[in-house]
């Protein structure tokens, strides 16, 4: 189920390269890389898990509620990360000219399905 949800996010988002379901310890549960794309989504997830945990601590200290989404845009890749539970997140890596709105939407739609499978 996990790989199918990730495939749906990646294949239905223009400019998406790969998707990942990972825990906050940096251990991947599942990943999907678009055929023909050479991108190591697991390294991205492991590195960004530290950042997302830091963002969560910051918003909690501000009594702003839980962090739901984090986006990091670099010259060559954009990472969209959606927090699913206190233990897991889903991420999608996109090209610079990708449809970010569609990526955010697809992650939001996939989140309940993934959460249901995780619990």
Protein backbone atom coordinates (compact mmCIF):
# COMPACT_ATOMS: atom_id res chain seq x y z
CA UNK A 1 0.00 0.00 0.00
CA UNK A 2 2.74 2.48 0.90
CA UNK A 3 4.53 2.22 -2.44
CA UNK A 4 1.24 2.63 -4.33
CA UNK A 5 0.43 5.84 -2.44
CA UNK A 6 3.93 7.20 -3.10
CA UNK A 7 3.73 6.24 -6.76
CA UNK A 8 0.42 8.08 -7.07
CA UNK A 9 1.90 11.25 -5.55
CA UNK A 10 4.98 11.18 -7.79
CA UNK A 11 3.28 10.18 -11.03
CA UNK A 12 0.47 12.73 -10.62
CA UNK A 13 2.71 15.71 -9.84
CA UNK A 14 4.42 17.40 -12.77
CA UNK A 15 8.14 17.57 -12.04
CA UNK A 16 8.16 15.07 -9.16
CA UNK A 17 11.21 12.82 -8.97
CA UNK A 18 10.63 10.57 -5.97
CA UNK A 19 8.55 9.99 -2.87
CA UNK A 20 9.41 8.60 0.56
CA UNK A 21 7.76 7.41 3.76
CA UNK A 22 10.20 7.60 6.65
CA UNK A 23 10.31 7.67 10.43
CA UNK A 24 11.93 10.52 12.32
CA UNK A 25 14.93 8.37 13.15
CA UNK A 26 15.84 8.39 9.45
CA UNK A 27 14.70 4.83 8.71
CA UNK A 28 12.80 4.54 5.41
CA UNK A 29 9.63 2.44 5.34
CA UNK A 30 9.08 2.76 1.60
CA UNK A 31 10.21 4.83 -1.35
CA UNK A 32 9.32 5.28 -4.99
CA UNK A 33 11.57 6.81 -7.65
CA UNK A 34 10.08 7.82 -10.98
CA UNK A 35 11.41 5.59 -13.77
CA UNK A 36 14.37 7.29 -15.42
CA UNK A 37 15.05 9.60 -12.46
CA UNK A 38 18.32 9.12 -10.64
CA UNK A 39 17.62 10.62 -7.25
CA UNK A 40 18.45 9.25 -3.79
CA UNK A 41 15.29 10.14 -1.89
CA UNK A 42 16.39 8.14 1.15
CA UNK A 43 19.43 10.37 1.72
CA UNK A 44 17.23 13.46 1.38
CA UNK A 45 14.77 12.01 3.91
CA UNK A 46 17.44 11.06 6.42
CA UNK A 47 19.00 14.52 6.32
CA UNK A 48 15.70 16.39 6.43
CA UNK A 49 14.31 14.28 9.29
CA UNK A 50 16.66 16.21 11.57
CA UNK A 51 15.38 19.53 10.21
CA UNK A 52 11.73 18.58 10.59
CA UNK A 53 12.31 17.46 14.20
CA UNK A 54 13.90 20.83 14.88
CA UNK A 55 10.97 22.67 13.29
CA UNK A 56 8.57 20.61 15.43
CA UNK A 57 10.44 21.53 18.62
CA UNK A 58 10.40 25.21 17.62
CA UNK A 59 6.67 25.42 16.88
CA UNK A 60 5.89 23.48 20.06
CA UNK A 61 7.96 25.92 22.13
CA UNK A 62 5.96 28.78 20.59
CA UNK A 63 2.65 27.04 21.40
CA UNK A 64 1.89 27.21 17.67
CA UNK A 65 0.63 23.63 17.48
CA UNK A 66 2.21 20.78 15.60
CA UNK A 67 4.19 21.27 12.41
CA UNK A 68 2.22 19.92 9.44
CA UNK A 69 4.36 20.72 6.41
CA UNK A 70 7.89 21.83 5.60
CA UNK A 71 9.20 22.89 2.19
CA UNK A 72 12.85 23.39 1.32
CA UNK A 73 13.66 24.89 -2.04
CA UNK A 74 17.21 24.67 -3.39
CA UNK A 75 18.64 25.46 -6.81
CA UNK A 76 18.27 21.93 -8.13
CA UNK A 77 15.54 20.31 -6.01
CA UNK A 78 12.58 21.17 -3.84
CA UNK A 79 11.59 18.91 -0.97
CA UNK A 80 8.02 18.93 0.30
CA UNK A 81 7.57 17.15 3.61
CA UNK A 82 4.26 16.41 5.31
CA UNK A 83 4.21 15.19 8.91
CA UNK A 84 1.88 12.22 9.32
CA UNK A 85 2.27 11.26 12.97
CA UNK A 86 4.70 11.93 15.79
CA UNK A 87 6.84 9.14 14.32
CA UNK A 88 6.46 9.36 10.52
CA UNK A 89 6.53 11.77 7.60
CA UNK A 90 6.07 11.59 3.85
CA UNK A 91 8.22 13.55 1.41
CA UNK A 92 8.35 14.24 -2.29
CA UNK A 93 11.36 15.57 -4.21
CA UNK A 94 10.64 17.87 -7.14
CA UNK A 95 12.52 19.61 -9.92
CA UNK A 96 12.84 23.43 -9.70
CA UNK A 97 10.06 23.97 -12.26
CA UNK A 98 7.67 21.41 -10.74
CA UNK A 99 4.07 22.10 -9.83
CA UNK A 100 4.48 22.73 -6.08
CA UNK A 101 0.78 23.28 -5.52
CA UNK A 102 -0.07 19.91 -7.02
CA UNK A 103 2.67 18.27 -4.96
CA UNK A 104 1.27 19.76 -1.75
CA UNK A 105 -2.23 18.69 -2.75
CA UNK A 106 -1.14 15.13 -3.57
CA UNK A 107 0.67 14.79 -0.22
CA UNK A 108 -2.39 16.11 1.61
CA UNK A 109 -4.64 13.58 -0.19
CA UNK A 110 -2.24 10.67 0.41
CA UNK A 111 -1.72 11.47 4.11
CA UNK A 112 -4.95 9.90 5.49
CA UNK A 113 -4.36 6.69 3.53
CA UNK A 114 -0.80 6.42 4.81
CA UNK A 115 -1.81 7.21 8.40
CA UNK A 116 -4.50 4.53 8.28
CA UNK A 117 -1.95 1.94 7.13
CA UNK A 118 0.53 3.04 9.81
CA UNK A 119 -1.94 2.58 12.65
